[in-house]
Amino acid sequence: MNAQRSVGIVLLVGGGILLAFGLDASNSFASDVTEAFTGSPSDRTMWMIVLGAAAAVAGLFMATVSGRSR
């Protein structure tokens, strides 16, 4: 297993964990209060969801495409 594939797997797992935390935070009381006043979830929740999804996609790409070019 090469280094790029290992980094991809770490990003995929880390992104999945961050995405799970973000989705869990979107159901929290604090996020509900923020959403009641502003109409959207808290910034922290949105950043966790967006960055978790981006890291998971990048990790999936790195883990699957890295070894095929050689």
PDB file of N, CA and C in Angstrom:
ATOM      1  N   MET A   1       0.860  -1.176   0.000  1.00  0.00           N
ATOM      2  CA  MET A   1       0.000   0.000   0.000  1.00  0.00           C
ATOM      3  C   MET A   1       0.903   1.235   0.000  1.00  0.00           C
ATOM      4  N   ASN A   2       0.697   2.120  -0.943  1.00  0.00           N
ATOM      5  CA  ASN A   2       1.539   3.316  -1.021  1.00  0.00           C
ATOM      6  C   ASN A   2       1.036   4.405  -0.085  1.00  0.00           C
ATOM      7  N   ALA A   3       1.850   5.446   0.037  1.00  0.00           N
ATOM      8  CA  ALA A   3       1.541   6.511   0.993  1.00  0.00           C
ATOM      9  C   ALA A   3       0.292   7.295   0.599  1.00  0.00           C
ATOM     10  N   GLN A   4       0.100   7.512  -0.696  1.00  0.00           N
ATOM     11  CA  GLN A   4      -1.065   8.281  -1.126  1.00  0.00           C
ATOM     12  C   GLN A   4      -2.363   7.549  -0.807  1.00  0.00           C
ATOM     13  N   ARG A   5      -2.363   6.246  -0.967  1.00  0.00           N
ATOM     14  CA  ARG A   5      -3.552   5.458  -0.642  1.00  0.00           C
ATOM     15  C   ARG A   5      -3.818   5.475   0.865  1.00  0.00           C
ATOM     16  N   SER A   6      -2.747   5.431   1.658  1.00  0.00           N
ATOM     17  CA  SER A   6      -2.907   5.485   3.116  1.00  0.00           C
ATOM     18  C   SER A   6      -3.496   6.813   3.559  1.00  0.00           C
ATOM     19  N   VAL A   7      -3.002   7.905   2.975  1.00  0.00           N
ATOM     20  CA  VAL A   7      -3.534   9.231   3.303  1.00  0.00           C
ATOM     21  C   VAL A   7      -4.995   9.315   2.873  1.00  0.00           C
ATOM     22  N   GLY A   8      -5.323   8.733   1.729  1.00  0.00           N
ATOM     23  CA  GLY A   8      -6.701   8.721   1.258  1.00  0.00           C
ATOM     24  C   GLY A   8      -7.631   8.001   2.215  1.00  0.00           C
ATOM     25  N   ILE A   9      -7.177   6.891   2.750  1.00  0.00           N
ATOM     26  CA  ILE A   9      -7.999   6.134   3.696  1.00  0.00           C
ATOM     27  C   ILE A   9      -8.192   6.921   4.987  1.00  0.00           C
ATOM     28  N   VAL A  10      -7.123   7.583   5.447  1.00  0.00           N
ATOM     29  CA  VAL A  10      -7.227   8.400   6.661  1.00  0.00           C
ATOM     30  C   VAL A  10      -8.201   9.557   6.439  1.00  0.00           C
ATOM     31  N   LEU A  11      -8.113  10.212   5.262  1.00  0.00           N
ATOM     32  CA  LEU A  11      -9.048  11.292   4.952  1.00  0.00           C
ATOM     33  C   LEU A  11     -10.480  10.786   4.872  1.00  0.00           C
ATOM     34  N   LEU A  12     -10.663   9.634   4.279  1.00  0.00           N
ATOM     35  CA  LEU A  12     -12.004   9.065   4.156  1.00  0.00           C
ATOM     36  C   LEU A  12     -12.611   8.782   5.526  1.00  0.00           C
ATOM     37  N   VAL A  13     -11.848   8.164   6.395  1.00  0.00           N
ATOM     38  CA  VAL A  13     -12.349   7.854   7.736  1.00  0.00           C
ATOM     39  C   VAL A  13     -12.558   9.137   8.548  1.00  0.00           C
ATOM     40  N   GLY A  14     -11.585  10.038   8.504  1.00  0.00           N
ATOM     41  CA  GLY A  14     -11.711  11.299   9.235  1.00  0.00           C
ATOM     42  C   GLY A  14     -12.878  12.137   8.727  1.00  0.00           C
ATOM     43  N   GLY A  15     -13.071  12.162   7.426  1.00  0.00           N
ATOM     44  CA  GLY A  15     -14.193  12.891   6.854  1.00  0.00           C
ATOM     45  C   GLY A  15     -15.523  12.294   7.266  1.00  0.00           C
ATOM     46  N   GLY A  16     -15.579  10.972   7.313  1.00  0.00           N
ATOM     47  CA  GLY A  16     -16.809  10.317   7.758  1.00  0.00           C
ATOM     48  C   GLY A  16     -17.131  10.629   9.204  1.00  0.00           C
ATOM     49  N   ILE A  17     -16.100  10.643  10.035  1.00  0.00           N
ATOM     50  CA  ILE A  17     -16.310  10.964  11.453  1.00  0.00           C
ATOM     51  C   ILE A  17     -16.761  12.417  11.612  1.00  0.00           C
ATOM     52  N   LEU A  18     -16.105  13.337  10.888  1.00  0.00           N
ATOM     53  CA  LEU A  18     -16.476  14.750  10.964  1.00  0.00           C
ATOM     54  C   LEU A  18     -17.896  14.970  10.443  1.00  0.00           C
ATOM     55  N   LEU A  19     -18.247  14.276   9.387  1.00  0.00           N
ATOM     56  CA  LEU A  19     -19.603  14.372   8.850  1.00  0.00           C
ATOM     57  C   LEU A  19     -20.627  13.856   9.853  1.00  0.00           C
ATOM     58  N   ALA A  20     -20.308  12.763  10.523  1.00  0.00           N
ATOM     59  CA  ALA A  20     -21.217  12.218  11.532  1.00  0.00           C
ATOM     60  C   ALA A  20     -21.402  13.186  12.696  1.00  0.00           C
ATOM     61  N   PHE A  21     -20.300  13.801  13.146  1.00  0.00           N
ATOM     62  CA  PHE A  21     -20.401  14.788  14.227  1.00  0.00           C
ATOM     63  C   PHE A  21     -21.224  15.995  13.783  1.00  0.00           C
ATOM     64  N   GLY A  22     -21.038  16.431  12.542  1.00  0.00           N
ATOM     65  CA  GLY A  22     -21.795  17.569  12.035  1.00  0.00           C
ATOM     66  C   GLY A  22     -23.277  17.269  11.953  1.00  0.00           C
ATOM     67  N   LEU A  23     -23.619  16.075  11.480  1.00  0.00           N
ATOM     68  CA  LEU A  23     -25.031  15.710  11.400  1.00  0.00           C
ATOM     69  C   LEU A  23     -25.641  15.562  12.788  1.00  0.00           C
ATOM     70  N   ASP A  24     -24.851  15.052  13.730  1.00  0.00           N
ATOM     71  CA  ASP A  24     -25.336  14.939  15.106  1.00  0.00           C
ATOM     72  C   ASP A  24     -25.532  16.324  15.719  1.00  0.00           C
ATOM     73  N   ALA A  25     -24.610  17.237  15.436  1.00  0.00           N
ATOM     74  CA  ALA A  25     -24.727  18.590  15.972  1.00  0.00           C
ATOM     75  C   ALA A  25     -25.911  19.335  15.369  1.00  0.00           C
ATOM     76  N   SER A  26     -26.301  18.978  14.158  1.00  0.00           N
ATOM     77  CA  SER A  26     -27.435  19.670  13.543  1.00  0.00           C
ATOM     78  C   SER A  26     -28.748  19.341  14.248  1.00  0.00           C
ATOM     79  N   ASN A  27     -28.758  18.265  15.018  1.00  0.00           N
ATOM     80  CA  ASN A  27     -29.947  17.887  15.774  1.00  0.00           C
ATOM     81  C   ASN A  27     -29.879  18.317  17.239  1.00  0.00           C
ATOM     82  N   SER A  28     -28.866  19.119  17.587  1.00  0.00           N
ATOM     83  CA  SER A  28     -28.700  19.524  18.983  1.00  0.00           C
ATOM     84  C   SER A  28     -29.615  20.689  19.331  1.00  0.00           C
ATOM     85  N   PHE A  29     -29.772  20.921  20.610  1.00  0.00           N
ATOM     86  CA  PHE A  29     -30.618  22.006  21.095  1.00  0.00           C
ATOM     87  C   PHE A  29     -30.055  23.363  20.675  1.00  0.00           C
ATOM     88  N   ALA A  30     -28.735  23.524  20.774  1.00  0.00           N
ATOM     89  CA  ALA A  30     -28.115  24.804  20.411  1.00  0.00           C
ATOM     90  C   ALA A  30     -28.328  25.120  18.936  1.00  0.00           C
ATOM     91  N   SER A  31     -28.228  24.122  18.098  1.00  0.00           N
ATOM     92  CA  SER A  31     -28.455  24.339  16.671  1.00  0.00           C
ATOM     93  C   SER A  31     -29.918  24.666  16.398  1.00  0.00           C
ATOM     94  N   ASP A  32     -30.816  24.034  17.139  1.00  0.00           N
ATOM     95  CA  ASP A  32     -32.241  24.332  16.979  1.00  0.00           C
ATOM     96  C   ASP A  32     -32.562  25.775  17.371  1.00  0.00           C
ATOM     97  N   VAL A  33     -31.931  26.261  18.446  1.00  0.00           N
ATOM     98  CA  VAL A  33     -32.149  27.641  18.886  1.00  0.00           C
ATOM     99  C   VAL A  33     -31.599  28.612  17.840  1.00  0.00           C
ATOM    100  N   THR A  34     -30.392  28.341  17.340  1.00  0.00           N
ATOM    101  CA  THR A  34     -29.802  29.192  16.305  1.00  0.00           C
ATOM    102  C   THR A  34     -30.666  29.205  15.058  1.00  0.00           C
ATOM    103  N   GLU A  35     -31.162  28.035  14.685  1.00  0.00           N
ATOM    104  CA  GLU A  35     -32.004  27.935  13.492  1.00  0.00           C
ATOM    105  C   GLU A  35     -33.331  28.663  13.678  1.00  0.00           C
ATOM    106  N   ALA A  36     -33.850  28.690  14.889  1.00  0.00           N
ATOM    107  CA  ALA A  36     -35.107  29.392  15.152  1.00  0.00           C
ATOM    108  C   ALA A  36     -34.958  30.898  14.953  1.00  0.00           C
ATOM    109  N   PHE A  37     -33.776  31.433  15.314  1.00  0.00           N
ATOM    110  CA  PHE A  37     -33.568  32.876  15.188  1.00  0.00           C
ATOM    111  C   PHE A  37     -33.036  33.294  13.823  1.00  0.00           C
ATOM    112  N   THR A  38     -32.183  32.481  13.232  1.00  0.00           N
ATOM    113  CA  THR A  38     -31.544  32.890  11.981  1.00  0.00           C
ATOM    114  C   THR A  38     -32.128  32.214  10.750  1.00  0.00           C
ATOM    115  N   GLY A  39     -32.798  31.100  10.926  1.00  0.00           N
ATOM    116  CA  GLY A  39     -33.356  30.369   9.793  1.00  0.00           C
ATOM    117  C   GLY A  39     -32.413  29.351   9.203  1.00  0.00           C
ATOM    118  N   SER A  40     -31.192  29.262   9.730  1.00  0.00           N
ATOM    119  CA  SER A  40     -30.236  28.267   9.240  1.00  0.00           C
ATOM    120  C   SER A  40     -29.470  27.687  10.427  1.00  0.00           C
ATOM    121  N   PRO A  41     -28.913  26.493  10.268  1.00  0.00           N
ATOM    122  CA  PRO A  41     -28.140  25.896  11.364  1.00  0.00           C
ATOM    123  C   PRO A  41     -26.913  26.738  11.710  1.00  0.00           C
ATOM    124  N   SER A  42     -26.272  26.427  12.822  1.00  0.00           N
ATOM    125  CA  SER A  42     -25.109  27.202  13.252  1.00  0.00           C
ATOM    126  C   SER A  42     -23.954  27.042  12.264  1.00  0.00           C
ATOM    127  N   ASP A  43     -23.066  28.020  12.271  1.00  0.00           N
ATOM    128  CA  ASP A  43     -21.912  27.990  11.369  1.00  0.00           C
ATOM    129  C   ASP A  43     -21.010  26.787  11.644  1.00  0.00           C
ATOM    130  N   ARG A  44     -20.830  26.475  12.912  1.00  0.00           N
ATOM    131  CA  ARG A  44     -19.973  25.342  13.284  1.00  0.00           C
ATOM    132  C   ARG A  44     -20.526  24.039  12.705  1.00  0.00           C
ATOM    133  N   THR A  45     -21.821  23.853  12.799  1.00  0.00           N
ATOM    134  CA  THR A  45     -22.460  22.655  12.262  1.00  0.00           C
ATOM    135  C   THR A  45     -22.282  22.580  10.753  1.00  0.00           C
ATOM    136  N   MET A  46     -22.495  23.699  10.083  1.00  0.00           N
ATOM    137  CA  MET A  46     -22.359  23.708   8.627  1.00  0.00           C
ATOM    138  C   MET A  46     -20.926  23.436   8.194  1.00  0.00           C
ATOM    139  N   TRP A  47     -19.945  24.006   8.891  1.00  0.00           N
ATOM    140  CA  TRP A  47     -18.553  23.761   8.551  1.00  0.00           C
ATOM    141  C   TRP A  47     -18.176  22.300   8.759  1.00  0.00           C
ATOM    142  N   MET A  48     -18.655  21.684   9.823  1.00  0.00           N
ATOM    143  CA  MET A  48     -18.346  20.267  10.046  1.00  0.00           C
ATOM    144  C   MET A  48     -18.930  19.402   8.943  1.00  0.00           C
ATOM    145  N   ILE A  49     -20.140  19.692   8.519  1.00  0.00           N
ATOM    146  CA  ILE A  49     -20.771  18.902   7.462  1.00  0.00           C
ATOM    147  C   ILE A  49     -20.039  19.106   6.132  1.00  0.00           C
ATOM    148  N   VAL A  50     -19.767  20.349   5.784  1.00  0.00           N
ATOM    149  CA  VAL A  50     -19.113  20.640   4.503  1.00  0.00           C
ATOM    150  C   VAL A  50     -17.692  20.081   4.454  1.00  0.00           C
ATOM    151  N   LEU A  51     -16.899  20.340   5.491  1.00  0.00           N
ATOM    152  CA  LEU A  51     -15.527  19.844   5.504  1.00  0.00           C
ATOM    153  C   LEU A  51     -15.462  18.327   5.615  1.00  0.00           C
ATOM    154  N   GLY A  52     -16.380  17.723   6.358  1.00  0.00           N
ATOM    155  CA  GLY A  52     -16.415  16.270   6.445  1.00  0.00           C
ATOM    156  C   GLY A  52     -16.738  15.636   5.107  1.00  0.00           C
ATOM    157  N   ALA A  53     -17.698  16.191   4.388  1.00  0.00           N
ATOM    158  CA  ALA A  53     -18.046  15.659   3.062  1.00  0.00           C
ATOM    159  C   ALA A  53     -16.892  15.856   2.092  1.00  0.00           C
ATOM    160  N   ALA A  54     -16.246  17.012   2.124  1.00  0.00           N
ATOM    161  CA  ALA A  54     -15.120  17.270   1.220  1.00  0.00           C
ATOM    162  C   ALA A  54     -13.951  16.325   1.510  1.00  0.00           C
ATOM    163  N   ALA A  55     -13.643  16.124   2.771  1.00  0.00           N
ATOM    164  CA  ALA A  55     -12.552  15.225   3.132  1.00  0.00           C
ATOM    165  C   ALA A  55     -12.871  13.788   2.739  1.00  0.00           C
ATOM    166  N   ALA A  56     -14.110  13.372   2.913  1.00  0.00           N
ATOM    167  CA  ALA A  56     -14.494  12.013   2.548  1.00  0.00           C
ATOM    168  C   ALA A  56     -14.398  11.800   1.040  1.00  0.00           C
ATOM    169  N   VAL A  57     -14.833  12.772   0.258  1.00  0.00           N
ATOM    170  CA  VAL A  57     -14.748  12.655  -1.206  1.00  0.00           C
ATOM    171  C   VAL A  57     -13.293  12.648  -1.655  1.00  0.00           C
ATOM    172  N   ALA A  58     -12.480  13.545  -1.103  1.00  0.00           N
ATOM    173  CA  ALA A  58     -11.063  13.579  -1.460  1.00  0.00           C
ATOM    174  C   ALA A  58     -10.369  12.282  -1.058  1.00  0.00           C
ATOM    175  N   GLY A  59     -10.692  11.773   0.108  1.00  0.00           N
ATOM    176  CA  GLY A  59     -10.104  10.514   0.564  1.00  0.00           C
ATOM    177  C   GLY A  59     -10.513   9.337  -0.305  1.00  0.00           C
ATOM    178  N   LEU A  60     -11.762   9.298  -0.698  1.00  0.00           N
ATOM    179  CA  LEU A  60     -12.233   8.235  -1.586  1.00  0.00           C
ATOM    180  C   LEU A  60     -11.508   8.303  -2.924  1.00  0.00           C
ATOM    181  N   PHE A  61     -11.356   9.515  -3.455  1.00  0.00           N
ATOM    182  CA  PHE A  61     -10.646   9.697  -4.717  1.00  0.00           C
ATOM    183  C   PHE A  61      -9.194   9.252  -4.605  1.00  0.00           C
ATOM    184  N   MET A  62      -8.507   9.691  -3.530  1.00  0.00           N
ATOM    185  CA  MET A  62      -7.113   9.331  -3.348  1.00  0.00           C
ATOM    186  C   MET A  62      -6.913   7.839  -3.120  1.00  0.00           C
ATOM    187  N   ALA A  63      -7.820   7.221  -2.402  1.00  0.00           N
ATOM    188  CA  ALA A  63      -7.676   5.794  -2.092  1.00  0.00           C
ATOM    189  C   ALA A  63      -7.961   4.908  -3.297  1.00  0.00           C
ATOM    190  N   THR A  64      -8.818   5.343  -4.191  1.00  0.00           N
ATOM    191  CA  THR A  64      -9.172   4.479  -5.312  1.00  0.00           C
ATOM    192  C   THR A  64      -8.371   4.772  -6.583  1.00  0.00           C
ATOM    193  N   VAL A  65      -7.964   6.013  -6.803  1.00  0.00           N
ATOM    194  CA  VAL A  65      -7.302   6.367  -8.058  1.00  0.00           C
ATOM    195  C   VAL A  65      -5.781   6.330  -7.942  1.00  0.00           C
ATOM    196  N   SER A  66      -5.238   6.374  -6.768  1.00  0.00           N
ATOM    197  CA  SER A  66      -3.795   6.561  -6.595  1.00  0.00           C
ATOM    198  C   SER A  66      -2.960   5.462  -7.249  1.00  0.00           C
ATOM    199  N   GLY A  67      -3.355   4.230  -7.180  1.00  0.00           N
ATOM    200  CA  GLY A  67      -2.531   3.142  -7.687  1.00  0.00           C
ATOM    201  C   GLY A  67      -2.795   2.741  -9.117  1.00  0.00           C
ATOM    202  N   ARG A  68      -3.747   3.328  -9.761  1.00  0.00           N
ATOM    203  CA  ARG A  68      -4.140   2.881 -11.099  1.00  0.00           C
ATOM    204  C   ARG A  68      -3.328   3.504 -12.220  1.00  0.00           C
ATOM    205  N   SER A  69      -2.606   4.588 -11.971  1.00  0.00           N
ATOM    206  CA  SER A  69      -1.911   5.266 -13.043  1.00  0.00           C
ATOM    207  C   SER A  69      -0.585   4.583 -13.400  1.00  0.00           C
ATOM    208  N   ARG A  70      -0.135   3.654 -12.621  1.00  0.00           N
ATOM    209  CA  ARG A  70       1.159   2.986 -12.879  1.00  0.00           C
ATOM    210  C   ARG A  70       0.978   1.623 -13.457  1.00  0.00           C
TER     211      ARG A  70
END
